[in-house]
Amino acid sequence: MGLLPLPSHIHYELLLQLLERQTLPALEPGSPEYLQAQQVVISLRKAWMHQKVLEESCQRTDREVDHRWSLNRPHSP
Protein backbone atom coordinates (compact mmCIF):
# COMPACT_ATOMS: atom_id res chain seq x y z
CA MET A 1 0.00 0.00 0.00
CA GLY A 2 1.15 3.50 -0.72
CA LEU A 3 1.35 6.52 1.51
CA LEU A 4 -1.90 7.82 2.96
CA PRO A 5 -2.08 11.60 2.40
CA LEU A 6 -3.51 13.48 5.39
CA PRO A 7 -3.46 17.15 6.39
CA SER A 8 -0.50 18.26 8.45
CA HIS A 9 -1.43 18.83 12.10
CA ILE A 10 -0.34 22.44 11.79
CA HIS A 11 -3.49 23.14 9.75
CA TYR A 12 -5.68 22.24 12.71
CA GLU A 13 -3.45 24.10 15.16
CA LEU A 14 -3.51 27.31 13.14
CA LEU A 15 -7.26 27.27 12.64
CA LEU A 16 -7.89 26.57 16.32
CA GLN A 17 -5.51 29.33 17.42
CA LEU A 18 -7.16 31.84 15.10
CA LEU A 19 -10.63 30.94 16.29
CA GLU A 20 -9.75 30.85 19.99
CA ARG A 21 -7.46 33.87 20.10
CA GLN A 22 -9.11 36.21 17.62
CA THR A 23 -12.57 35.11 16.51
CA LEU A 24 -14.12 34.23 19.87
CA PRO A 25 -12.79 37.34 21.68
CA ALA A 26 -14.23 39.51 18.87
CA LEU A 27 -17.72 38.14 19.50
CA GLU A 28 -20.19 38.84 22.29
CA PRO A 29 -20.22 35.84 24.66
CA GLY A 30 -23.55 34.05 24.46
CA SER A 31 -24.47 35.58 21.10
CA PRO A 32 -25.58 33.24 18.30
CA GLU A 33 -22.36 33.98 16.41
CA TYR A 34 -20.23 33.17 19.47
CA LEU A 35 -22.04 29.87 19.95
CA GLN A 36 -21.57 29.04 16.26
CA ALA A 37 -17.86 29.83 16.48
CA GLN A 38 -17.62 27.58 19.56
CA GLN A 39 -19.21 24.79 17.54
CA VAL A 40 -16.62 25.30 14.80
CA VAL A 41 -13.87 24.92 17.43
CA ILE A 42 -15.50 21.75 18.77
CA SER A 43 -15.89 20.33 15.26
CA LEU A 44 -12.25 21.03 14.40
CA ARG A 45 -11.06 19.38 17.62
CA LYS A 46 -13.19 16.32 16.83
CA ALA A 47 -11.87 16.18 13.25
CA TRP A 48 -8.29 16.39 14.52
CA MET A 49 -8.92 13.60 17.03
CA HIS A 50 -10.52 11.43 14.33
CA GLN A 51 -7.46 11.98 12.15
CA LYS A 52 -5.19 10.97 15.04
CA VAL A 53 -7.21 7.78 15.53
CA LEU A 54 -6.86 7.05 11.80
CA GLU A 55 -3.11 7.65 12.00
CA GLU A 56 -2.82 5.27 14.98
CA SER A 57 -4.77 2.66 13.04
CA CYS A 58 -2.41 3.08 10.09
CA GLN A 59 0.58 2.75 12.40
CA ARG A 60 -0.75 -0.55 13.76
CA THR A 61 -1.13 -1.91 10.22
CA ASP A 62 2.24 -0.55 9.03
CA ARG A 63 0.60 1.91 6.64
CA GLU A 64 2.63 5.08 6.24
CA VAL A 65 1.00 8.49 6.57
CA ASP A 66 2.12 11.43 4.45
CA HIS A 67 1.28 14.69 6.25
CA ARG A 68 0.56 17.24 3.54
CA TRP A 69 0.91 21.00 3.71
CA SER A 70 -0.99 21.63 0.50
CA LEU A 71 -2.78 19.95 -2.38
CA ASN A 72 0.32 20.30 -4.53
CA ARG A 73 2.18 17.06 -5.01
CA PRO A 74 5.88 17.08 -4.27
CA HIS A 75 7.99 17.13 -7.42
CA SER A 76 10.02 14.04 -8.24
CA PRO A 77 13.78 14.65 -8.49
PDB file of N, CA and C in Angstrom:
ATOM      1  N   MET A   1       0.840  -1.193   0.000  1.00  0.00           N
ATOM      2  CA  MET A   1       0.000   0.000   0.000  1.00  0.00           C
ATOM      3  C   MET A   1       0.874   1.242   0.000  1.00  0.00           C
ATOM      4  N   GLY A   2       0.400   2.264  -0.654  1.00  0.00           N
ATOM      5  CA  GLY A   2       1.154   3.505  -0.722  1.00  0.00           C
ATOM      6  C   GLY A   2       0.929   4.379   0.494  1.00  0.00           C
ATOM      7  N   LEU A   3       1.510   5.546   0.432  1.00  0.00           N
ATOM      8  CA  LEU A   3       1.352   6.517   1.506  1.00  0.00           C
ATOM      9  C   LEU A   3      -0.086   7.019   1.564  1.00  0.00           C
ATOM     10  N   LEU A   4      -0.561   7.262   2.769  1.00  0.00           N
ATOM     11  CA  LEU A   4      -1.898   7.820   2.956  1.00  0.00           C
ATOM     12  C   LEU A   4      -1.760   9.322   3.176  1.00  0.00           C
ATOM     13  N   PRO A   5      -2.201  10.149   2.225  1.00  0.00           N
ATOM     14  CA  PRO A   5      -2.082  11.596   2.403  1.00  0.00           C
ATOM     15  C   PRO A   5      -3.120  12.116   3.399  1.00  0.00           C
ATOM     16  N   LEU A   6      -2.644  12.850   4.389  1.00  0.00           N
ATOM     17  CA  LEU A   6      -3.509  13.475   5.389  1.00  0.00           C
ATOM     18  C   LEU A   6      -3.011  14.896   5.641  1.00  0.00           C
ATOM     19  N   PRO A   7      -3.908  15.787   6.093  1.00  0.00           N
ATOM     20  CA  PRO A   7      -3.465  17.149   6.390  1.00  0.00           C
ATOM     21  C   PRO A   7      -2.425  17.163   7.507  1.00  0.00           C
ATOM     22  N   SER A   8      -1.475  18.056   7.385  1.00  0.00           N
ATOM     23  CA  SER A   8      -0.504  18.257   8.453  1.00  0.00           C
ATOM     24  C   SER A   8      -1.237  18.781   9.687  1.00  0.00           C
ATOM     25  N   HIS A   9      -0.776  18.390  10.862  1.00  0.00           N
ATOM     26  CA  HIS A   9      -1.425  18.826  12.104  1.00  0.00           C
ATOM     27  C   HIS A   9      -1.416  20.343  12.259  1.00  0.00           C
ATOM     28  N   ILE A  10      -0.444  20.992  11.658  1.00  0.00           N
ATOM     29  CA  ILE A  10      -0.342  22.443  11.789  1.00  0.00           C
ATOM     30  C   ILE A  10      -1.594  23.144  11.256  1.00  0.00           C
ATOM     31  N   HIS A  11      -2.271  22.531  10.287  1.00  0.00           N
ATOM     32  CA  HIS A  11      -3.488  23.145   9.750  1.00  0.00           C
ATOM     33  C   HIS A  11      -4.552  23.255  10.836  1.00  0.00           C
ATOM     34  N   TYR A  12      -4.724  22.200  11.612  1.00  0.00           N
ATOM     35  CA  TYR A  12      -5.684  22.239  12.714  1.00  0.00           C
ATOM     36  C   TYR A  12      -5.247  23.246  13.768  1.00  0.00           C
ATOM     37  N   GLU A  13      -3.966  23.209  14.123  1.00  0.00           N
ATOM     38  CA  GLU A  13      -3.451  24.100  15.158  1.00  0.00           C
ATOM     39  C   GLU A  13      -3.661  25.564  14.794  1.00  0.00           C
ATOM     40  N   LEU A  14      -3.362  25.915  13.560  1.00  0.00           N
ATOM     41  CA  LEU A  14      -3.505  27.311  13.142  1.00  0.00           C
ATOM     42  C   LEU A  14      -4.961  27.758  13.153  1.00  0.00           C
ATOM     43  N   LEU A  15      -5.841  26.919  12.640  1.00  0.00           N
ATOM     44  CA  LEU A  15      -7.264  27.268  12.643  1.00  0.00           C
ATOM     45  C   LEU A  15      -7.793  27.422  14.060  1.00  0.00           C
ATOM     46  N   LEU A  16      -7.424  26.496  14.936  1.00  0.00           N
ATOM     47  CA  LEU A  16      -7.889  26.571  16.321  1.00  0.00           C
ATOM     48  C   LEU A  16      -7.347  27.811  17.025  1.00  0.00           C
ATOM     49  N   GLN A  17      -6.085  28.132  16.803  1.00  0.00           N
ATOM     50  CA  GLN A  17      -5.513  29.327  17.425  1.00  0.00           C
ATOM     51  C   GLN A  17      -6.207  30.588  16.938  1.00  0.00           C
ATOM     52  N   LEU A  18      -6.464  30.667  15.649  1.00  0.00           N
ATOM     53  CA  LEU A  18      -7.157  31.836  15.103  1.00  0.00           C
ATOM     54  C   LEU A  18      -8.543  31.982  15.721  1.00  0.00           C
ATOM     55  N   LEU A  19      -9.277  30.888  15.744  1.00  0.00           N
ATOM     56  CA  LEU A  19     -10.633  30.936  16.286  1.00  0.00           C
ATOM     57  C   LEU A  19     -10.641  31.279  17.775  1.00  0.00           C
ATOM     58  N   GLU A  20      -9.753  30.651  18.537  1.00  0.00           N
ATOM     59  CA  GLU A  20      -9.754  30.849  19.988  1.00  0.00           C
ATOM     60  C   GLU A  20      -9.138  32.176  20.420  1.00  0.00           C
ATOM     61  N   ARG A  21      -8.148  32.648  19.695  1.00  0.00           N
ATOM     62  CA  ARG A  21      -7.457  33.874  20.101  1.00  0.00           C
ATOM     63  C   ARG A  21      -8.024  35.142  19.478  1.00  0.00           C
ATOM     64  N   GLN A  22      -8.653  35.003  18.304  1.00  0.00           N
ATOM     65  CA  GLN A  22      -9.108  36.206  17.623  1.00  0.00           C
ATOM     66  C   GLN A  22     -10.606  36.225  17.362  1.00  0.00           C
ATOM     67  N   THR A  23     -11.153  35.112  16.861  1.00  0.00           N
ATOM     68  CA  THR A  23     -12.574  35.105  16.508  1.00  0.00           C
ATOM     69  C   THR A  23     -13.454  35.179  17.749  1.00  0.00           C
ATOM     70  N   LEU A  24     -13.263  34.251  18.681  1.00  0.00           N
ATOM     71  CA  LEU A  24     -14.117  34.229  19.874  1.00  0.00           C
ATOM     72  C   LEU A  24     -14.034  35.528  20.681  1.00  0.00           C
ATOM     73  N   PRO A  25     -12.841  36.080  20.930  1.00  0.00           N
ATOM     74  CA  PRO A  25     -12.790  37.339  21.676  1.00  0.00           C
ATOM     75  C   PRO A  25     -13.464  38.513  20.954  1.00  0.00           C
ATOM     76  N   ALA A  26     -13.598  38.428  19.634  1.00  0.00           N
ATOM     77  CA  ALA A  26     -14.227  39.505  18.869  1.00  0.00           C
ATOM     78  C   ALA A  26     -15.750  39.426  18.909  1.00  0.00           C
ATOM     79  N   LEU A  27     -16.275  38.341  19.460  1.00  0.00           N
ATOM     80  CA  LEU A  27     -17.723  38.144  19.502  1.00  0.00           C
ATOM     81  C   LEU A  27     -18.259  38.321  20.916  1.00  0.00           C
ATOM     82  N   GLU A  28     -19.514  38.685  20.999  1.00  0.00           N
ATOM     83  CA  GLU A  28     -20.189  38.844  22.291  1.00  0.00           C
ATOM     84  C   GLU A  28     -20.484  37.462  22.867  1.00  0.00           C
ATOM     85  N   PRO A  29     -19.937  37.154  24.060  1.00  0.00           N
ATOM     86  CA  PRO A  29     -20.218  35.839  24.656  1.00  0.00           C
ATOM     87  C   PRO A  29     -21.723  35.592  24.783  1.00  0.00           C
ATOM     88  N   GLY A  30     -22.140  34.417  24.393  1.00  0.00           N
ATOM     89  CA  GLY A  30     -23.553  34.055  24.461  1.00  0.00           C
ATOM     90  C   GLY A  30     -24.350  34.415  23.218  1.00  0.00           C
ATOM     91  N   SER A  31     -23.759  35.213  22.330  1.00  0.00           N
ATOM     92  CA  SER A  31     -24.471  35.578  21.102  1.00  0.00           C
ATOM     93  C   SER A  31     -24.540  34.361  20.181  1.00  0.00           C
ATOM     94  N   PRO A  32     -25.493  34.362  19.241  1.00  0.00           N
ATOM     95  CA  PRO A  32     -25.582  33.237  18.304  1.00  0.00           C
ATOM     96  C   PRO A  32     -24.280  33.012  17.528  1.00  0.00           C
ATOM     97  N   GLU A  33     -23.612  34.104  17.150  1.00  0.00           N
ATOM     98  CA  GLU A  33     -22.358  33.979  16.408  1.00  0.00           C
ATOM     99  C   GLU A  33     -21.268  33.352  17.274  1.00  0.00           C
ATOM    100  N   TYR A  34     -21.217  33.731  18.541  1.00  0.00           N
ATOM    101  CA  TYR A  34     -20.229  33.166  19.468  1.00  0.00           C
ATOM    102  C   TYR A  34     -20.459  31.668  19.617  1.00  0.00           C
ATOM    103  N   LEU A  35     -21.717  31.288  19.793  1.00  0.00           N
ATOM    104  CA  LEU A  35     -22.042  29.869  19.946  1.00  0.00           C
ATOM    105  C   LEU A  35     -21.703  29.091  18.677  1.00  0.00           C
ATOM    106  N   GLN A  36     -21.936  29.699  17.517  1.00  0.00           N
ATOM    107  CA  GLN A  36     -21.572  29.042  16.257  1.00  0.00           C
ATOM    108  C   GLN A  36     -20.059  28.874  16.151  1.00  0.00           C
ATOM    109  N   ALA A  37     -19.322  29.909  16.527  1.00  0.00           N
ATOM    110  CA  ALA A  37     -17.860  29.829  16.481  1.00  0.00           C
ATOM    111  C   ALA A  37     -17.355  28.755  17.446  1.00  0.00           C
ATOM    112  N   GLN A  38     -17.984  28.646  18.614  1.00  0.00           N
ATOM    113  CA  GLN A  38     -17.617  27.585  19.556  1.00  0.00           C
ATOM    114  C   GLN A  38     -17.849  26.210  18.938  1.00  0.00           C
ATOM    115  N   GLN A  39     -18.928  26.064  18.195  1.00  0.00           N
ATOM    116  CA  GLN A  39     -19.210  24.787  17.537  1.00  0.00           C
ATOM    117  C   GLN A  39     -18.169  24.474  16.463  1.00  0.00           C
ATOM    118  N   VAL A  40     -17.685  25.502  15.784  1.00  0.00           N
ATOM    119  CA  VAL A  40     -16.621  25.296  14.796  1.00  0.00           C
ATOM    120  C   VAL A  40     -15.368  24.778  15.502  1.00  0.00           C
ATOM    121  N   VAL A  41     -15.026  25.367  16.648  1.00  0.00           N
ATOM    122  CA  VAL A  41     -13.868  24.919  17.426  1.00  0.00           C
ATOM    123  C   VAL A  41     -14.046  23.461  17.836  1.00  0.00           C
ATOM    124  N   ILE A  42     -15.214  23.127  18.345  1.00  0.00           N
ATOM    125  CA  ILE A  42     -15.500  21.751  18.770  1.00  0.00           C
ATOM    126  C   ILE A  42     -15.384  20.794  17.589  1.00  0.00           C
ATOM    127  N   SER A  43     -15.942  21.181  16.451  1.00  0.00           N
ATOM    128  CA  SER A  43     -15.889  20.325  15.259  1.00  0.00           C
ATOM    129  C   SER A  43     -14.456  20.109  14.782  1.00  0.00           C
ATOM    130  N   LEU A  44     -13.655  21.169  14.808  1.00  0.00           N
ATOM    131  CA  LEU A  44     -12.251  21.033  14.401  1.00  0.00           C
ATOM    132  C   LEU A  44     -11.482  20.115  15.345  1.00  0.00           C
ATOM    133  N   ARG A  45     -11.726  20.259  16.646  1.00  0.00           N
ATOM    134  CA  ARG A  45     -11.055  19.382  17.618  1.00  0.00           C
ATOM    135  C   ARG A  45     -11.451  17.919  17.388  1.00  0.00           C
ATOM    136  N   LYS A  46     -12.728  17.690  17.110  1.00  0.00           N
ATOM    137  CA  LYS A  46     -13.188  16.324  16.827  1.00  0.00           C
ATOM    138  C   LYS A  46     -12.538  15.787  15.556  1.00  0.00           C
ATOM    139  N   ALA A  47     -12.484  16.608  14.512  1.00  0.00           N
ATOM    140  CA  ALA A  47     -11.869  16.179  13.250  1.00  0.00           C
ATOM    141  C   ALA A  47     -10.404  15.825  13.467  1.00  0.00           C
ATOM    142  N   TRP A  48      -9.706  16.639  14.242  1.00  0.00           N
ATOM    143  CA  TRP A  48      -8.293  16.386  14.520  1.00  0.00           C
ATOM    144  C   TRP A  48      -8.120  15.074  15.290  1.00  0.00           C
ATOM    145  N   MET A  49      -8.998  14.845  16.255  1.00  0.00           N
ATOM    146  CA  MET A  49      -8.917  13.603  17.028  1.00  0.00           C
ATOM    147  C   MET A  49      -9.236  12.392  16.144  1.00  0.00           C
ATOM    148  N   HIS A  50     -10.209  12.529  15.258  1.00  0.00           N
ATOM    149  CA  HIS A  50     -10.522  11.433  14.329  1.00  0.00           C
ATOM    150  C   HIS A  50      -9.324  11.139  13.432  1.00  0.00           C
ATOM    151  N   GLN A  51      -8.648  12.185  12.978  1.00  0.00           N
ATOM    152  CA  GLN A  51      -7.462  11.977  12.152  1.00  0.00           C
ATOM    153  C   GLN A  51      -6.381  11.260  12.954  1.00  0.00           C
ATOM    154  N   LYS A  52      -6.197  11.637  14.211  1.00  0.00           N
ATOM    155  CA  LYS A  52      -5.186  10.974  15.043  1.00  0.00           C
ATOM    156  C   LYS A  52      -5.513   9.497  15.226  1.00  0.00           C
ATOM    157  N   VAL A  53      -6.797   9.175  15.402  1.00  0.00           N
ATOM    158  CA  VAL A  53      -7.213   7.775  15.529  1.00  0.00           C
ATOM    159  C   VAL A  53      -6.897   7.026  14.237  1.00  0.00           C
ATOM    160  N   LEU A  54      -7.179   7.652  13.098  1.00  0.00           N
ATOM    161  CA  LEU A  54      -6.860   7.045  11.802  1.00  0.00           C
ATOM    162  C   LEU A  54      -5.357   6.813  11.671  1.00  0.00           C
ATOM    163  N   GLU A  55      -4.562   7.793  12.076  1.00  0.00           N
ATOM    164  CA  GLU A  55      -3.107   7.653  12.004  1.00  0.00           C
ATOM    165  C   GLU A  55      -2.619   6.503  12.888  1.00  0.00           C
ATOM    166  N   GLU A  56      -3.194   6.374  14.084  1.00  0.00           N
ATOM    167  CA  GLU A  56      -2.821   5.273  14.977  1.00  0.00           C
ATOM    168  C   GLU A  56      -3.194   3.929  14.361  1.00  0.00           C
ATOM    169  N   SER A  57      -4.348   3.879  13.714  1.00  0.00           N
ATOM    170  CA  SER A  57      -4.772   2.657  13.038  1.00  0.00           C
ATOM    171  C   SER A  57      -3.794   2.303  11.919  1.00  0.00           C
ATOM    172  N   CYS A  58      -3.380   3.302  11.163  1.00  0.00           N
ATOM    173  CA  CYS A  58      -2.405   3.081  10.089  1.00  0.00           C
ATOM    174  C   CYS A  58      -1.083   2.585  10.661  1.00  0.00           C
ATOM    175  N   GLN A  59      -0.680   3.156  11.775  1.00  0.00           N
ATOM    176  CA  GLN A  59       0.581   2.750  12.397  1.00  0.00           C
ATOM    177  C   GLN A  59       0.531   1.274  12.811  1.00  0.00           C
ATOM    178  N   ARG A  60      -0.599   0.848  13.345  1.00  0.00           N
ATOM    179  CA  ARG A  60      -0.748  -0.553  13.765  1.00  0.00           C
ATOM    180  C   ARG A  60      -0.707  -1.514  12.583  1.00  0.00           C
ATOM    181  N   THR A  61      -1.118  -1.046  11.407  1.00  0.00           N
ATOM    182  CA  THR A  61      -1.130  -1.909  10.217  1.00  0.00           C
ATOM    183  C   THR A  61       0.046  -1.619   9.284  1.00  0.00           C
ATOM    184  N   ASP A  62       1.029  -0.893   9.801  1.00  0.00           N
ATOM    185  CA  ASP A  62       2.238  -0.554   9.033  1.00  0.00           C
ATOM    186  C   ASP A  62       1.952   0.238   7.760  1.00  0.00           C
ATOM    187  N   ARG A  63       0.901   1.015   7.767  1.00  0.00           N
ATOM    188  CA  ARG A  63       0.596   1.913   6.645  1.00  0.00           C
ATOM    189  C   ARG A  63       1.198   3.271   6.951  1.00  0.00           C
ATOM    190  N   GLU A  64       1.977   3.788   6.025  1.00  0.00           N
ATOM    191  CA  GLU A  64       2.628   5.076   6.244  1.00  0.00           C
ATOM    192  C   GLU A  64       1.681   6.230   5.940  1.00  0.00           C
ATOM    193  N   VAL A  65       1.792   7.275   6.748  1.00  0.00           N
ATOM    194  CA  VAL A  65       0.997   8.485   6.574  1.00  0.00           C
ATOM    195  C   VAL A  65       1.905   9.580   6.028  1.00  0.00           C
ATOM    196  N   ASP A  66       1.395  10.305   5.048  1.00  0.00           N
ATOM    197  CA  ASP A  66       2.117  11.428   4.455  1.00  0.00           C
ATOM    198  C   ASP A  66       1.382  12.707   4.837  1.00  0.00           C
ATOM    199  N   HIS A  67       1.920  13.438   5.828  1.00  0.00           N
ATOM    200  CA  HIS A  67       1.284  14.692   6.248  1.00  0.00           C
ATOM    201  C   HIS A  67       1.540  15.752   5.193  1.00  0.00           C
ATOM    202  N   ARG A  68       0.471  16.286   4.649  1.00  0.00           N
ATOM    203  CA  ARG A  68       0.561  17.244   3.537  1.00  0.00           C
ATOM    204  C   ARG A  68       0.317  18.668   4.026  1.00  0.00           C
ATOM    205  N   TRP A  69       1.069  19.574   3.432  1.00  0.00           N
ATOM    206  CA  TRP A  69       0.915  20.997   3.712  1.00  0.00           C
ATOM    207  C   TRP A  69      -0.006  21.666   2.705  1.00  0.00           C
ATOM    208  N   SER A  70      -0.147  21.046   1.540  1.00  0.00           N
ATOM    209  CA  SER A  70      -0.989  21.631   0.495  1.00  0.00           C
ATOM    210  C   SER A  70      -1.487  20.524  -0.421  1.00  0.00           C
ATOM    211  N   LEU A  71      -2.282  20.907  -1.396  1.00  0.00           N
ATOM    212  CA  LEU A  71      -2.777  19.946  -2.376  1.00  0.00           C
ATOM    213  C   LEU A  71      -1.743  19.650  -3.450  1.00  0.00           C
ATOM    214  N   ASN A  72      -0.727  20.493  -3.530  1.00  0.00           N
ATOM    215  CA  ASN A  72       0.324  20.297  -4.529  1.00  0.00           C
ATOM    216  C   ASN A  72       1.135  19.060  -4.199  1.00  0.00           C
ATOM    217  N   ARG A  73       1.360  18.252  -5.203  1.00  0.00           N
ATOM    218  CA  ARG A  73       2.182  17.057  -5.008  1.00  0.00           C
ATOM    219  C   ARG A  73       3.648  17.452  -5.033  1.00  0.00           C
ATOM    220  N   PRO A  74       4.447  16.784  -4.209  1.00  0.00           N
ATOM    221  CA  PRO A  74       5.885  17.076  -4.274  1.00  0.00           C
ATOM    222  C   PRO A  74       6.438  16.653  -5.633  1.00  0.00           C
ATOM    223  N   HIS A  75       7.381  17.422  -6.122  1.00  0.00           N
ATOM    224  CA  HIS A  75       7.987  17.128  -7.424  1.00  0.00           C
ATOM    225  C   HIS A  75       9.009  16.017  -7.282  1.00  0.00           C
ATOM    226  N   SER A  76       9.021  15.113  -8.236  1.00  0.00           N
ATOM    227  CA  SER A  76      10.019  14.039  -8.238  1.00  0.00           C
ATOM    228  C   SER A  76      11.355  14.602  -8.686  1.00  0.00           C
ATOM    229  N   PRO A  77      12.460  14.127  -8.087  1.00  0.00           N
ATOM    230  CA  PRO A  77      13.780  14.645  -8.487  1.00  0.00           C
ATOM    231  C   PRO A  77      14.153  14.203  -9.878  1.00  0.00           C
TER     232      PRO A  77
END
